[in-house]
């Protein structure tokens, strides 16, 4: 089992693909040719406007701070309200715009290469105890702390930190939560 504990010193600020803002990239994985396979990031939405087009990627957006906004997918579906700690999944191929911004908001984003990886996001809340068996798990602490324990490893991760867990076999991993965190499971 491999554990990597990332802190804000490991993150990278970069411009949005459409140039309308910046994102804080927490984790990135590319294939041998440099194509994006997986990205975890955080971004602020402070005004209405178009999201970057990200063809070939599946996205999951989760509001972690603020009042939220609505996502308009144009011809691909109705407007989806973005509410605190409710993951919203959509295709990076779709035109997408933030509308009815209800105040400054911060979201956590998961992007995976369609057909190569799949991801899911679970919200971990205060007092939860979770057993995780995914081959690859990412835990981002929004507020408070998360304690992760296995026979080989024990660590407390605090707010704004990311724990990356990779394993060849799926031994149980115990996760205890005080506050709020997001658990991202990634599979082939």
Protein backbone atom coordinates (compact mmCIF):
# COMPACT_ATOMS: atom_id res chain seq x y z
CA UNK A 1 0.00 0.00 0.00
CA UNK A 2 1.29 3.47 -0.89
CA UNK A 3 0.28 6.61 1.02
CA UNK A 4 1.08 10.17 -0.02
CA UNK A 5 0.12 13.06 2.24
CA UNK A 6 -0.14 16.29 0.21
CA UNK A 7 -0.38 19.77 1.73
CA UNK A 8 -0.93 23.24 0.22
CA UNK A 9 2.83 23.46 -0.43
CA UNK A 10 2.35 20.60 -2.96
CA UNK A 11 -0.53 22.25 -4.86
CA UNK A 12 -0.15 24.28 -8.05
CA UNK A 13 -2.14 27.39 -9.07
CA UNK A 14 -2.90 27.51 -12.79
CA UNK A 15 -5.20 29.39 -15.18
CA UNK A 16 -8.50 27.94 -16.35
CA UNK A 17 -8.43 26.64 -19.92
CA UNK A 18 -10.81 29.46 -20.92
CA UNK A 19 -8.68 32.12 -19.18
CA UNK A 20 -11.56 33.39 -16.97
CA UNK A 21 -10.02 32.42 -13.62
CA UNK A 22 -7.57 30.17 -11.84
CA UNK A 23 -7.70 26.76 -10.25
CA UNK A 24 -5.62 25.16 -7.54
CA UNK A 25 -4.49 21.77 -8.81
CA UNK A 26 -4.19 19.33 -5.91
CA UNK A 27 -3.29 16.20 -7.86
CA UNK A 28 -2.67 15.33 -11.51
CA UNK A 29 -1.88 12.14 -13.39
CA UNK A 30 -1.08 11.89 -17.11
CA UNK A 31 -0.42 8.92 -19.37
CA UNK A 32 2.92 8.30 -21.10
CA UNK A 33 1.93 10.65 -23.96
CA UNK A 34 1.03 13.48 -21.60
CA UNK A 35 -2.76 13.16 -21.88
CA UNK A 36 -4.70 13.90 -18.70
CA UNK A 37 -5.98 10.79 -16.91
CA UNK A 38 -6.99 12.23 -13.53
CA UNK A 39 -7.10 15.65 -11.93
CA UNK A 40 -8.30 16.87 -8.54
CA UNK A 41 -8.60 20.63 -8.14
CA UNK A 42 -10.29 23.43 -6.29
CA UNK A 43 -11.69 26.58 -7.88
CA UNK A 44 -13.57 29.72 -6.86
CA UNK A 45 -16.72 30.82 -8.68
CA UNK A 46 -17.43 34.49 -8.02
CA UNK A 47 -19.48 35.46 -11.08
CA UNK A 48 -21.66 33.98 -13.78
CA UNK A 49 -19.90 32.72 -16.89
CA UNK A 50 -18.86 29.81 -19.07
CA UNK A 51 -16.84 26.90 -17.75
CA UNK A 52 -13.87 25.62 -19.74
CA UNK A 53 -14.64 22.99 -22.37
CA UNK A 54 -12.85 19.75 -21.45
CA UNK A 55 -13.58 17.23 -24.23
CA UNK A 56 -13.05 13.58 -23.38
CA UNK A 57 -13.24 14.13 -19.62
CA UNK A 58 -15.95 13.24 -17.13
CA UNK A 59 -16.33 15.75 -14.32
CA UNK A 60 -17.69 15.74 -10.78
CA UNK A 61 -18.08 19.11 -9.06
CA UNK A 62 -18.83 19.46 -5.33
CA UNK A 63 -19.50 22.80 -3.62
CA UNK A 64 -17.39 23.01 -0.45
CA UNK A 65 -17.82 26.70 0.52
CA UNK A 66 -20.38 29.41 -0.17
CA UNK A 67 -23.98 29.60 -1.28
CA UNK A 68 -23.48 28.01 -4.69
CA UNK A 69 -24.77 28.64 -8.18
CA UNK A 70 -26.60 26.84 -10.97
CA UNK A 71 -24.96 24.93 -13.81
CA UNK A 72 -26.59 25.34 -17.21
CA UNK A 73 -25.72 22.50 -19.62
CA UNK A 74 -27.50 24.08 -22.59
CA UNK A 75 -28.96 21.47 -24.94
CA UNK A 76 -27.66 18.62 -22.73
CA UNK A 77 -30.06 19.02 -19.87
CA UNK A 78 -31.81 21.19 -17.38
CA UNK A 79 -30.10 23.61 -15.07
CA UNK A 80 -28.55 21.82 -12.10
CA UNK A 81 -28.38 23.67 -8.78
CA UNK A 82 -24.98 23.35 -7.11
CA UNK A 83 -25.68 22.93 -3.39
CA UNK A 84 -23.22 22.43 -0.51
CA UNK A 85 -21.75 18.93 -0.42
CA UNK A 86 -23.93 17.50 -3.21
CA UNK A 87 -21.69 16.15 -6.03
CA UNK A 88 -22.81 17.01 -9.57
CA UNK A 89 -21.50 14.78 -12.40
CA UNK A 90 -21.39 15.94 -16.02
CA UNK A 91 -19.48 15.57 -19.26
CA UNK A 92 -16.59 17.92 -20.01
CA UNK A 93 -17.81 17.82 -23.63
CA UNK A 94 -21.00 19.68 -22.73
CA UNK A 95 -21.16 23.44 -22.85
CA UNK A 96 -21.53 24.51 -19.23
CA UNK A 97 -22.01 27.87 -17.56
CA UNK A 98 -22.44 29.09 -13.99
CA UNK A 99 -25.65 31.06 -13.59
CA UNK A 100 -27.43 32.67 -10.66
CA UNK A 101 -24.26 32.85 -8.57
CA UNK A 102 -25.53 33.31 -5.02
CA UNK A 103 -22.23 34.67 -3.68
CA UNK A 104 -18.56 33.66 -3.75
CA UNK A 105 -18.30 29.87 -3.83
CA UNK A 106 -15.50 27.33 -3.81
CA UNK A 107 -15.81 23.93 -5.47
CA UNK A 108 -13.81 20.73 -5.51
CA UNK A 109 -13.42 19.13 -8.94
CA UNK A 110 -12.66 15.61 -10.10
CA UNK A 111 -11.85 15.05 -13.77
CA UNK A 112 -11.13 11.64 -15.34
CA UNK A 113 -10.41 10.51 -18.88
CA UNK A 114 -13.64 8.99 -20.17
CA UNK A 115 -13.33 5.30 -21.03
CA UNK A 116 -10.03 4.97 -19.16
CA UNK A 117 -10.97 5.74 -15.54
CA UNK A 118 -14.14 6.21 -13.51
CA UNK A 119 -14.54 8.14 -10.31
CA UNK A 120 -17.09 8.64 -7.59
CA UNK A 121 -17.24 11.20 -4.79
CA UNK A 122 -18.60 10.46 -1.32
CA UNK A 123 -19.14 13.16 1.30
CA UNK A 124 -17.78 12.21 4.72
CA UNK A 125 -19.45 14.00 7.63
CA UNK A 126 -18.68 14.58 11.28
CA UNK A 127 -18.88 11.42 13.34
CA UNK A 128 -18.76 8.99 10.42
CA UNK A 129 -16.65 5.87 10.51
CA UNK A 130 -16.05 4.36 7.06
CA UNK A 131 -14.32 1.24 5.80
CA UNK A 132 -12.81 1.75 2.35
CA UNK A 133 -11.65 -1.00 -0.05
CA UNK A 134 -11.10 0.93 -3.32
CA UNK A 135 -7.87 0.30 -5.23
CA UNK A 136 -7.21 4.04 -5.29
CA UNK A 137 -8.69 6.51 -2.84
CA UNK A 138 -8.19 10.24 -2.34
CA UNK A 139 -9.36 11.98 0.83
CA UNK A 140 -9.58 15.77 0.82
CA UNK A 141 -10.34 17.33 4.20
CA UNK A 142 -12.57 20.39 3.91
CA UNK A 143 -12.93 21.14 7.62
CA UNK A 144 -11.66 19.45 10.79
CA UNK A 145 -9.67 16.26 10.41
CA UNK A 146 -9.78 12.69 9.17
CA UNK A 147 -7.98 9.79 10.82
CA UNK A 148 -6.95 6.96 8.49
CA UNK A 149 -5.82 3.63 9.89
CA UNK A 150 -4.67 0.35 8.42
CA UNK A 151 -2.31 -2.33 9.72
CA UNK A 152 0.60 -0.55 7.93
CA UNK A 153 -0.33 3.09 8.35
CA UNK A 154 -1.96 5.57 10.67
CA UNK A 155 -2.28 9.26 9.91
CA UNK A 156 -4.41 12.27 10.80
CA UNK A 157 -5.06 14.61 7.87
CA UNK A 158 -6.26 18.16 8.56
CA UNK A 159 -8.25 20.77 6.62
CA UNK A 160 -6.98 21.59 3.12
CA UNK A 161 -4.79 18.48 2.93
CA UNK A 162 -5.11 15.53 0.56
CA UNK A 163 -4.27 11.91 1.29
CA UNK A 164 -3.56 9.68 -1.72
CA UNK A 165 -3.93 5.93 -1.10
CA UNK A 166 -2.94 3.36 -3.72
CA UNK A 167 -3.11 -0.39 -3.16
CA UNK A 168 -2.67 -3.53 -5.21
CA UNK A 169 -4.91 -5.57 -2.95
CA UNK A 170 -7.91 -4.23 -1.11
CA UNK A 171 -7.29 -4.57 2.61
CA UNK A 172 -9.80 -2.66 4.70
CA UNK A 173 -8.91 0.90 5.58
CA UNK A 174 -10.64 2.54 8.54
CA UNK A 175 -11.56 6.23 8.16
CA UNK A 176 -12.85 8.34 11.07
CA UNK A 177 -14.18 11.86 10.40
CA UNK A 178 -14.41 14.97 12.55
CA UNK A 179 -15.69 17.76 10.29
CA UNK A 180 -16.21 17.37 6.54
CA UNK A 181 -14.15 15.56 3.91
CA UNK A 182 -14.55 14.24 0.38
CA UNK A 183 -13.55 10.68 -0.51
CA UNK A 184 -12.80 10.12 -4.17
CA UNK A 185 -12.65 6.53 -5.39
CA UNK A 186 -10.98 5.90 -8.75
CA UNK A 187 -11.08 2.67 -10.75
CA UNK A 188 -10.23 1.48 -14.26
